[in-house]
Protein backbone atom coordinates (compact mmCIF):
# COMPACT_ATOMS: atom_id res chain seq x y z
CA MET A 1 138.30 68.96 30.67
CA ARG A 2 136.08 71.84 29.64
CA LEU A 3 133.18 69.43 29.12
CA TRP A 4 133.55 68.06 32.64
CA LEU A 5 133.76 71.61 33.99
CA ARG A 6 130.49 72.53 32.29
CA ILE A 7 128.86 69.35 33.58
CA GLY A 8 130.13 70.07 37.09
CA ILE A 9 128.78 73.61 37.04
CA GLY A 10 125.42 72.37 35.76
CA VAL A 11 125.19 69.72 38.47
CA LEU A 12 126.14 72.28 41.12
CA GLY A 13 123.40 74.59 39.88
CA MET A 14 120.83 71.80 40.06
CA ILE A 15 121.94 70.95 43.58
CA LEU A 16 121.54 74.58 44.68
CA ILE A 17 118.05 74.79 43.18
CA ALA A 18 117.05 71.44 44.62
CA GLY A 19 118.38 72.45 48.01
CA ALA A 20 116.37 75.65 47.93
CA LEU A 21 113.23 73.69 47.08
CA ILE A 22 113.78 70.95 49.64
CA ILE A 23 114.61 73.11 52.66
CA GLY A 24 112.30 75.94 51.61
CA SER A 25 115.03 78.55 51.94
CA ASP A 26 115.40 81.87 50.13
CA LEU A 27 118.73 80.79 48.70
CA LEU A 28 118.43 82.70 45.43
CA VAL A 29 115.14 84.63 45.54
CA VAL A 30 113.56 86.06 48.69
CA GLN A 31 110.08 84.54 48.59
CA TYR A 32 107.98 86.75 50.95
CA ARG A 33 105.33 84.10 51.45
CA LYS A 34 103.64 85.85 54.42
CA PRO A 35 102.82 89.43 55.43
CA VAL A 36 105.92 91.10 56.88
CA SER A 37 106.90 94.52 58.19
CA ALA A 38 108.12 96.97 55.57
CA LEU A 39 111.66 98.29 55.45
CA ARG A 40 111.79 101.74 57.06
CA TYR A 41 114.04 104.74 56.48
CA GLU A 42 114.11 108.18 58.10
CA ALA A 43 116.27 110.99 56.78
CA LYS A 44 118.72 112.67 59.09
CA ASP A 45 117.26 115.66 60.95
CA ALA A 46 113.73 114.73 59.85
CA ARG A 47 111.04 117.02 61.22
CA PRO A 48 107.26 116.53 60.84
CA ALA A 49 105.50 119.14 58.73
CA PRO A 50 102.79 121.39 60.23
CA PRO A 51 99.21 120.07 60.07
CA LYS A 52 97.36 120.47 56.76
CA ASP A 53 93.70 120.02 55.83
CA THR A 54 94.49 119.40 52.18
CA LEU A 55 97.25 117.03 51.06
CA THR A 56 98.96 116.82 47.69
CA VAL A 57 99.33 113.13 46.77
CA MET A 58 101.50 111.82 43.94
CA THR A 59 102.04 108.37 42.43
CA TRP A 60 104.78 107.52 39.94
CA ASN A 61 106.28 104.40 38.42
CA ILE A 62 109.89 105.58 37.97
CA LYS A 63 111.22 102.58 35.96
CA PHE A 64 114.08 102.04 38.48
CA GLY A 65 115.63 105.35 37.42
CA GLY A 66 116.01 104.09 33.84
CA ALA A 67 114.32 107.08 32.18
CA ARG A 68 114.06 106.43 28.43
CA ILE A 69 117.01 104.11 28.03
CA ASP A 70 116.00 101.31 25.66
CA PHE A 71 116.33 98.16 27.78
CA PHE A 72 116.20 94.63 26.39
CA PHE A 73 112.91 93.69 28.08
CA ASP A 74 110.98 96.33 26.09
CA CYS A 75 112.43 94.99 22.80
CA TYR A 76 113.53 98.50 21.76
CA GLY A 77 117.19 98.03 22.61
CA ASP A 78 119.67 95.76 24.32
CA ARG A 79 120.73 97.70 27.41
CA VAL A 80 120.91 95.76 30.67
CA LEU A 81 122.93 97.89 33.09
CA MET A 82 123.29 101.62 33.76
CA THR A 83 126.34 103.56 34.85
CA LYS A 84 126.32 105.43 38.15
CA GLU A 85 126.40 108.70 36.22
CA GLU A 86 123.32 107.73 34.21
CA VAL A 87 121.39 106.72 37.33
CA LEU A 88 122.19 109.92 39.22
CA SER A 89 121.34 112.06 36.19
CA ASN A 90 117.98 110.33 35.83
CA LEU A 91 117.25 110.61 39.56
CA LYS A 92 118.01 114.33 39.49
CA GLY A 93 115.35 114.71 36.78
CA LEU A 94 112.82 112.72 38.82
CA LEU A 95 113.63 114.75 41.91
CA ARG A 96 113.23 118.01 39.99
CA LYS A 97 109.67 117.02 39.06
CA ILE A 98 108.86 115.84 42.60
CA ARG A 99 110.06 119.14 44.03
CA GLN A 100 107.97 121.02 41.48
CA VAL A 101 104.82 119.19 42.55
CA GLN A 102 105.72 119.31 46.28
CA PRO A 103 103.66 116.27 47.32
CA ASP A 104 102.89 115.59 50.95
CA ILE A 105 102.50 111.87 50.24
CA LEU A 106 104.41 110.13 47.45
CA LEU A 107 103.82 106.60 46.12
CA ILE A 108 106.64 105.14 44.03
CA GLN A 109 106.73 101.89 42.04
CA GLU A 110 109.82 100.22 40.55
CA LEU A 111 112.24 101.78 43.00
CA ASP A 112 115.64 100.07 43.34
CA ILE A 113 117.59 99.97 46.58
CA ASP A 114 120.36 97.46 45.83
CA SER A 115 120.45 96.43 42.17
CA LYS A 116 123.36 95.98 39.80
CA ARG A 117 121.27 97.37 36.91
CA SER A 118 121.06 100.74 38.69
CA ALA A 119 124.67 100.76 39.97
CA TYR A 120 123.54 99.69 43.47
CA THR A 121 121.99 103.11 44.12
CA ASP A 122 119.71 103.30 47.17
CA MET A 123 116.83 105.28 45.69
CA LEU A 124 114.79 105.09 48.91
CA LYS A 125 117.50 106.99 50.75
CA TYR A 126 118.18 109.32 47.81
CA ILE A 127 114.56 110.50 47.53
CA ALA A 128 113.92 110.69 51.29
CA ASP A 129 117.10 112.72 51.85
CA SER A 130 116.44 115.18 49.01
CA SER A 131 112.71 115.59 48.41
CA GLY A 132 111.37 117.08 51.65
CA LEU A 133 109.65 113.73 52.32
CA PRO A 134 111.96 112.37 55.03
CA TYR A 135 109.87 109.42 56.24
CA ALA A 136 109.83 106.36 53.97
CA VAL A 137 108.89 102.68 53.87
CA TYR A 138 109.69 100.05 51.25
CA ALA A 139 108.36 96.64 50.18
CA SER A 140 110.50 94.58 47.82
CA GLN A 141 108.85 93.25 44.69
CA TRP A 142 111.81 91.44 43.19
CA HIS A 143 114.64 90.48 45.55
CA VAL A 144 117.07 88.22 43.73
CA ARG A 145 120.57 87.68 45.02
CA TYR A 146 121.93 86.85 41.58
CA VAL A 147 120.42 86.71 38.08
CA PRO A 148 122.94 85.19 35.66
CA SER A 149 120.91 86.06 32.55
CA ARG A 150 122.47 88.94 30.56
CA GLY A 151 124.66 89.83 33.54
CA LEU A 152 121.77 91.34 35.55
CA GLY A 153 123.29 90.22 38.84
CA ALA A 154 121.61 91.25 42.10
CA ILE A 155 118.20 92.95 42.05
CA ASN A 156 116.17 94.48 44.87
CA SER A 157 113.29 96.53 43.49
CA GLY A 158 109.82 97.34 44.77
CA ASN A 159 107.24 99.84 46.05
CA ALA A 160 107.80 102.77 48.42
CA ILE A 161 105.78 105.38 50.31
CA PHE A 162 107.25 108.76 51.29
CA SER A 163 105.67 111.18 53.75
CA ARG A 164 106.17 114.59 55.36
CA TRP A 165 104.97 113.04 58.62
CA PRO A 166 106.26 110.03 60.60
CA ILE A 167 105.00 106.61 59.51
CA ASP A 168 103.74 104.67 62.52
CA THR A 169 103.50 101.15 61.12
CA ALA A 170 103.90 99.66 57.64
CA TYR A 171 103.58 96.15 56.30
CA ARG A 172 103.87 94.20 53.06
CA LEU A 173 100.97 92.01 51.90
CA PRO A 174 101.97 89.34 49.35
CA LEU A 175 100.01 88.92 46.12
CA PRO A 176 99.65 85.53 44.38
CA LEU A 177 102.01 84.56 41.58
CA VAL A 178 100.84 84.06 38.00
CA ALA A 179 99.07 80.70 38.03
CA ALA A 180 99.69 80.01 34.33
CA TYR A 181 103.48 80.05 34.68
CA PRO A 182 105.29 76.74 35.32
CA TRP A 183 106.44 76.14 38.91
CA TRP A 184 110.13 76.60 38.12
CA TYR A 185 109.40 79.99 36.50
CA ARG A 186 107.26 81.12 39.44
CA LEU A 187 110.08 80.21 41.81
CA PHE A 188 112.26 83.01 40.41
CA TYR A 189 109.49 85.42 39.37
CA LEU A 190 108.54 88.80 40.87
CA ARG A 191 106.82 88.81 44.26
CA ARG A 192 104.22 91.51 43.81
CA ASN A 193 102.69 93.08 46.88
CA ILE A 194 100.48 95.69 48.53
CA LEU A 195 102.34 98.13 50.77
CA VAL A 196 100.19 99.52 53.60
CA ALA A 197 101.32 102.36 55.89
CA HIS A 198 99.69 104.11 58.85
CA ILE A 199 100.51 107.82 59.07
CA PRO A 200 98.87 109.37 62.17
CA LEU A 201 98.39 112.93 60.96
CA PRO A 202 97.85 115.59 63.64
CA ASN A 203 94.34 116.33 62.37
CA CYS A 204 93.56 112.84 61.04
CA PRO A 205 95.16 110.19 63.27
CA ASN A 206 93.54 107.23 61.51
CA PHE A 207 95.07 107.96 58.09
CA TRP A 208 96.46 105.19 55.88
CA VAL A 209 98.31 105.03 52.58
CA VAL A 210 98.28 102.01 50.23
CA ASN A 211 100.64 101.50 47.29
CA THR A 212 100.76 98.64 44.79
CA HIS A 213 102.09 97.53 41.41
CA LEU A 214 99.91 94.80 39.97
CA GLU A 215 100.89 92.03 37.56
CA ALA A 216 101.95 93.27 34.13
CA TYR A 217 102.49 90.19 31.95
CA VAL A 218 99.61 87.76 32.14
CA PRO A 219 99.19 84.99 29.54
CA GLN A 220 95.63 84.64 28.24
CA PRO A 221 93.28 83.54 29.71
CA ASP A 222 95.02 83.71 33.12
CA SER A 223 93.17 85.90 35.65
CA THR A 224 95.96 86.66 38.13
CA ARG A 225 95.65 90.41 37.58
CA TYR A 226 91.92 90.19 38.30
CA PHE A 227 92.65 88.47 41.62
CA HIS A 228 95.24 91.16 42.41
CA ILE A 229 92.60 93.84 41.86
CA GLN A 230 90.20 91.99 44.14
CA LEU A 231 92.80 91.79 46.92
CA PHE A 232 93.64 95.48 46.47
CA ALA A 233 89.94 96.34 46.75
CA HIS A 234 89.54 94.07 49.79
CA THR A 235 92.39 95.92 51.53
CA LEU A 236 90.65 99.24 50.94
CA ASP A 237 87.27 97.88 52.03
CA SER A 238 88.83 96.62 55.27
CA LEU A 239 90.35 100.02 56.03
CA SER A 240 87.02 101.73 55.36
CA ALA A 241 85.19 99.25 57.60
CA ALA A 242 87.66 100.10 60.37
CA GLY A 243 86.80 103.79 60.09
CA ALA A 244 90.08 104.83 58.48
CA THR A 245 90.62 107.65 56.02
CA TRP A 246 92.90 106.46 53.25
CA VAL A 247 94.49 107.20 49.90
CA ALA A 248 95.59 104.34 47.66
CA GLY A 249 97.05 103.93 44.24
CA GLY A 250 99.91 102.87 42.04
CA ASP A 251 100.42 101.10 38.74
CA LEU A 252 97.42 98.77 38.34
CA ASN A 253 98.46 97.65 34.85
CA THR A 254 94.94 97.81 33.44
CA VAL A 255 92.73 100.49 31.87
CA PRO A 256 89.69 102.39 33.24
CA PRO A 257 86.13 101.30 32.43
CA GLY A 258 84.90 102.57 29.07
CA THR A 259 88.36 102.83 27.51
CA LYS A 260 88.04 102.76 23.72
CA LYS A 261 91.35 101.22 22.60
CA LEU A 262 91.95 97.89 24.30
CA LYS A 263 94.60 96.12 22.21
CA ASP A 264 97.04 96.33 19.28
CA PHE A 265 99.01 99.26 20.69
CA ASP A 266 101.62 100.62 18.31
CA ASP A 267 104.40 100.64 20.94
CA ASN A 268 104.57 96.84 21.26
CA ALA A 269 107.98 96.18 19.71
CA CYS A 270 108.23 92.64 21.11
CA LYS A 271 105.86 91.32 18.44
CA GLU A 272 108.58 92.10 15.89
CA VAL A 273 110.96 89.85 17.81
CA ASP A 274 108.41 87.08 18.45
CA PRO A 275 105.18 87.16 16.37
CA THR A 276 103.46 84.90 18.92
CA PHE A 277 104.01 87.44 21.71
CA VAL A 278 100.76 89.29 22.50
CA ALA A 279 100.98 91.98 25.17
CA ASP A 280 98.60 94.56 26.59
CA ASP A 281 95.29 93.14 25.46
CA TYR A 282 92.75 94.58 27.90
CA THR A 283 89.63 93.29 26.15
CA ARG A 284 88.57 91.09 29.06
CA GLU A 285 89.54 93.68 31.65
CA VAL A 286 87.64 96.80 30.66
CA GLU A 287 85.21 96.56 33.60
CA TRP A 288 87.56 95.11 36.22
CA LEU A 289 88.11 98.46 37.98
CA LEU A 290 84.44 99.49 37.89
CA PRO A 291 83.65 98.37 41.48
CA LEU A 292 86.49 100.56 42.76
CA TYR A 293 85.15 103.56 40.84
CA GLN A 294 81.65 102.87 42.17
CA ARG A 295 82.67 102.57 45.84
CA TYR A 296 85.41 105.18 46.01
CA LYS A 297 86.66 108.36 44.36
CA GLU A 298 89.38 108.25 41.72
CA VAL A 299 91.44 111.37 41.18
CA ILE A 300 90.17 111.69 37.58
CA PRO A 301 86.37 111.13 37.65
CA LEU A 302 85.31 108.40 35.26
CA GLU A 303 82.91 110.59 33.28
CA ILE A 304 85.69 113.13 32.64
CA TYR A 305 88.15 110.41 31.61
CA GLN A 306 85.65 108.89 29.18
CA GLN A 307 85.01 112.27 27.53
CA ARG A 308 88.68 112.91 26.66
CA GLU A 309 90.69 109.89 27.73
CA GLN A 310 93.82 110.83 25.75
CA ASP A 311 94.39 113.74 28.17
CA PHE A 312 94.87 111.23 30.99
CA TYR A 313 97.06 108.56 29.39
CA SER A 314 100.03 107.75 31.62
CA HIS A 315 102.09 105.04 29.93
CA THR A 316 103.91 104.05 26.77
CA VAL A 317 106.88 101.80 26.10
CA ASN A 318 108.04 103.83 23.11
CA GLY A 319 110.35 106.63 24.22
CA LYS A 320 109.96 108.33 20.84
CA GLY A 321 106.17 108.13 20.80
CA TRP A 322 103.61 109.53 23.24
CA TRP A 323 101.41 108.28 26.07
CA ASN A 324 98.81 105.84 24.72
CA ARG A 325 96.95 104.34 27.70
CA ARG A 326 96.20 104.95 31.39
CA LEU A 327 97.54 102.46 33.95
CA ASP A 328 98.22 104.66 37.01
CA TYR A 329 95.60 105.62 39.62
CA LEU A 330 94.79 107.32 42.91
CA PHE A 331 91.68 106.31 44.89
CA THR A 332 90.35 107.58 48.23
CA ASN A 333 87.37 107.29 50.56
CA ALA A 334 87.72 111.02 51.26
CA SER A 335 87.46 113.66 48.50
CA TRP A 336 89.58 115.18 45.74
CA ILE A 337 89.69 118.85 44.83
CA ASP A 338 91.33 118.16 41.49
CA GLY A 339 93.57 115.70 39.69
CA LEU A 340 96.21 115.76 36.99
CA VAL A 341 98.23 113.35 34.86
CA HIS A 342 101.54 115.13 34.26
CA GLN A 343 101.96 114.53 30.55
CA ASP A 344 103.68 117.94 30.20
CA SER A 345 102.02 118.37 26.81
CA THR A 346 100.02 121.49 27.74
CA LYS A 347 103.23 123.39 28.55
CA GLY A 348 104.93 122.24 25.39
CA GLY A 349 107.57 120.45 27.44
CA MET A 350 108.90 116.90 27.30
CA GLU A 351 110.62 116.69 30.69
CA THR A 352 108.20 114.29 32.40
CA PHE A 353 107.92 112.15 29.27
CA SER A 354 111.71 111.74 29.20
CA LEU A 355 111.98 110.63 32.84
CA SER A 356 110.08 107.30 32.81
CA ASP A 357 107.74 105.11 30.79
CA HIS A 358 104.98 106.29 33.15
CA ALA A 359 103.67 109.78 33.84
CA PRO A 360 103.10 110.84 37.45
CA VAL A 361 99.53 111.30 38.65
CA THR A 362 98.67 113.84 41.36
CA GLY A 363 95.66 115.14 43.24
CA ARG A 364 94.74 117.41 46.13
CA LEU A 365 93.07 115.39 48.87
CA ILE A 366 90.57 116.84 51.34
CA LEU A 367 90.92 114.97 54.60
CA HIS A 368 87.93 113.63 56.51
CA SER A 369 89.15 113.49 60.08
CA SER A 370 88.71 110.15 61.81
CA LYS A 371 89.49 109.32 65.41
């Protein structure tokens, strides 16, 4: 009887998958095949801030509020789900840092709004209601109604933009899936995107913000991440051609030009689980971001980064180690006064390091008014 039950469940699963393929529905995973409007949220009693000539901009991959918990996918631990108490404690730490920086524009990657792993906490609402950035838009990167593996359950995670001023329009541009993966794997894989928002500032009405999180795990010699970078650059070129002033950034999952260490990072624990697993080899990619640096201004000038790159590292998987590479960026076609990667090392503190596997990056942006 148990054998027939298992066979029946297996057949039912195949029917569901086949049905999703045949009718093209989003039965299990929301596919986002075309550009769509972004999800919008506005905090209660939201009021636009007074005009400013200089904006503080911040980008941060917050690891879905997971802080330094050792999750199974990093091969450091076996955690899958968080408790509500853990999520809220981690979010309070993130919010404390955001309030310290006081950004006018905030770009967030890996933000959950309805995921079992983060106790179904709506982080878009949480941050907008509590940060002084009451206007927010969201583009899902991984919207799965149910993941049976390891009890993950429902996941809705993606990119968000927060602002002190109302967001006029916002849309989600889809990025291509990893070509090297088999079709059945791509069907359930992450739907990465570029989130574009128009924020008509009082003194710069043609102001745009772009946020993205590019492909992380690319089998060699697949070039999906290269194509993602090209589409990101094309989006920025199009805004510039239209006369817009913009700021753009996020987790690009590759290193700046001239980076010295390109592979064999000591925080790759997955190679101990599977010796054939090779992650984070940037050898082919070291010049992929160069056109962006040449056409636009990054918050940390390339010549400064190349002189002392360790001061600007923003990522590590090892919660007991230290930052060992830079993956997070802010570009603009206007100008920066200064930039900072918040490693917290100069103050002798570890707060930022303990809040995510990425450090936040900030800069003060000088607006070039456009009408």
